[in-house]
C-alpha atoms as a PDB file:
ATOM      1  CA  MET A   1      -0.157  -0.216   0.018  1.00  0.00           C
ATOM      2  CA  THR A   2       1.088   3.473  -0.602  1.00  0.00           C
ATOM      3  CA  ALA A   3      -0.153   6.993   0.078  1.00  0.00           C
ATOM      4  CA  GLY A   4       0.668  10.236  -0.980  1.00  0.00           C
ATOM      5  CA  ASP A   5      -0.759  14.071  -1.255  1.00  0.00           C
ATOM      6  CA  THR A   6      -2.016  13.466  -4.766  1.00  0.00           C
ATOM      7  CA  PRO A   7      -2.736  10.621  -6.649  1.00  0.00           C
ATOM      8  CA  ALA A   8       0.081  10.894  -9.070  1.00  0.00           C
ATOM      9  CA  GLU A   9       2.463  11.157  -6.005  1.00  0.00           C
ATOM     10  CA  ALA A  10       1.107   7.731  -4.617  1.00  0.00           C
ATOM     11  CA  LEU A  11       1.586   6.508  -8.160  1.00  0.00           C
ATOM     12  CA  ALA A  12       5.489   7.662  -7.763  1.00  0.00           C
ATOM     13  CA  ASN A  13       5.680   6.264  -4.251  1.00  0.00           C
ATOM     14  CA  ARG A  14       4.598   2.580  -5.419  1.00  0.00           C
ATOM     15  CA  GLU A  15       7.878   1.749  -6.719  1.00  0.00           C
ATOM     16  CA  GLU A  16       9.246   2.048  -3.447  1.00  0.00           C
ATOM     17  CA  ALA A  17       6.351  -0.124  -1.817  1.00  0.00           C
ATOM     18  CA  MET A  18       6.667  -2.375  -4.266  1.00  0.00           C
ATOM     19  CA  ALA A  19      10.911  -2.789  -3.433  1.00  0.00           C
ATOM     20  CA  ALA A  20       9.827  -2.766   0.702  1.00  0.00           C
ATOM     21  CA  TRP A  21       7.766  -5.495   0.178  1.00  0.00           C
ATOM     22  CA  ILE A  22       9.939  -7.809  -2.031  1.00  0.00           C
ATOM     23  CA  GLU A  23      12.814  -7.040   0.325  1.00  0.00           C
ATOM     24  CA  SER A  24      10.949  -8.037   2.988  1.00  0.00           C
ATOM     25  CA  CYS A  25       9.563 -11.063   1.668  1.00  0.00           C
ATOM     26  CA  LEU A  26      13.193 -12.219   0.831  1.00  0.00           C
ATOM     27  CA  ILE A  27      14.402 -11.712   4.040  1.00  0.00           C
ATOM     28  CA  SER A  28      11.461 -13.306   5.765  1.00  0.00           C
ATOM     29  CA  GLY A  29      11.473 -16.626   3.135  1.00  0.00           C
ATOM     30  CA  ASP A  30       8.358 -16.076   1.895  1.00  0.00           C
ATOM     31  CA  PRO A  31       7.255 -16.799  -1.649  1.00  0.00           C
ATOM     32  CA  ILE A  32       7.201 -13.823  -4.009  1.00  0.00           C
ATOM     33  CA  PRO A  33       4.096 -14.661  -6.289  1.00  0.00           C
ATOM     34  CA  GLY A  34       4.456 -14.947 -10.303  1.00  0.00           C
ATOM     35  CA  PRO A  35       2.119 -12.103 -12.703  1.00  0.00           C
ATOM     36  CA  ALA A  36      -1.837 -13.363 -12.444  1.00  0.00           C
ATOM     37  CA  LYS A  37      -2.482 -15.440 -15.265  1.00  0.00           C
ATOM     38  CA  SER A  38      -6.057 -14.077 -15.795  1.00  0.00           C
ATOM     39  CA  PRO A  39      -6.830 -10.200 -16.718  1.00  0.00           C
ATOM     40  CA  ALA A  40      -7.411  -7.529 -14.218  1.00  0.00           C
ATOM     41  CA  PRO A  41     -10.876  -6.301 -14.459  1.00  0.00           C
ATOM     42  CA  VAL A  42     -11.721  -3.037 -16.360  1.00  0.00           C
ATOM     43  CA  ALA A  43     -14.410  -0.619 -14.568  1.00  0.00           C
END
């Protein structure tokens, strides 16, 4: 999860959030799932 004062700022912060999550998984030995096989729903 990420946050920001604007939607654009929140999106910019996502790279840092994803990197922190991956690092946490690697440290704890948790698996990192691959990409989903089904497309995401479009609203």
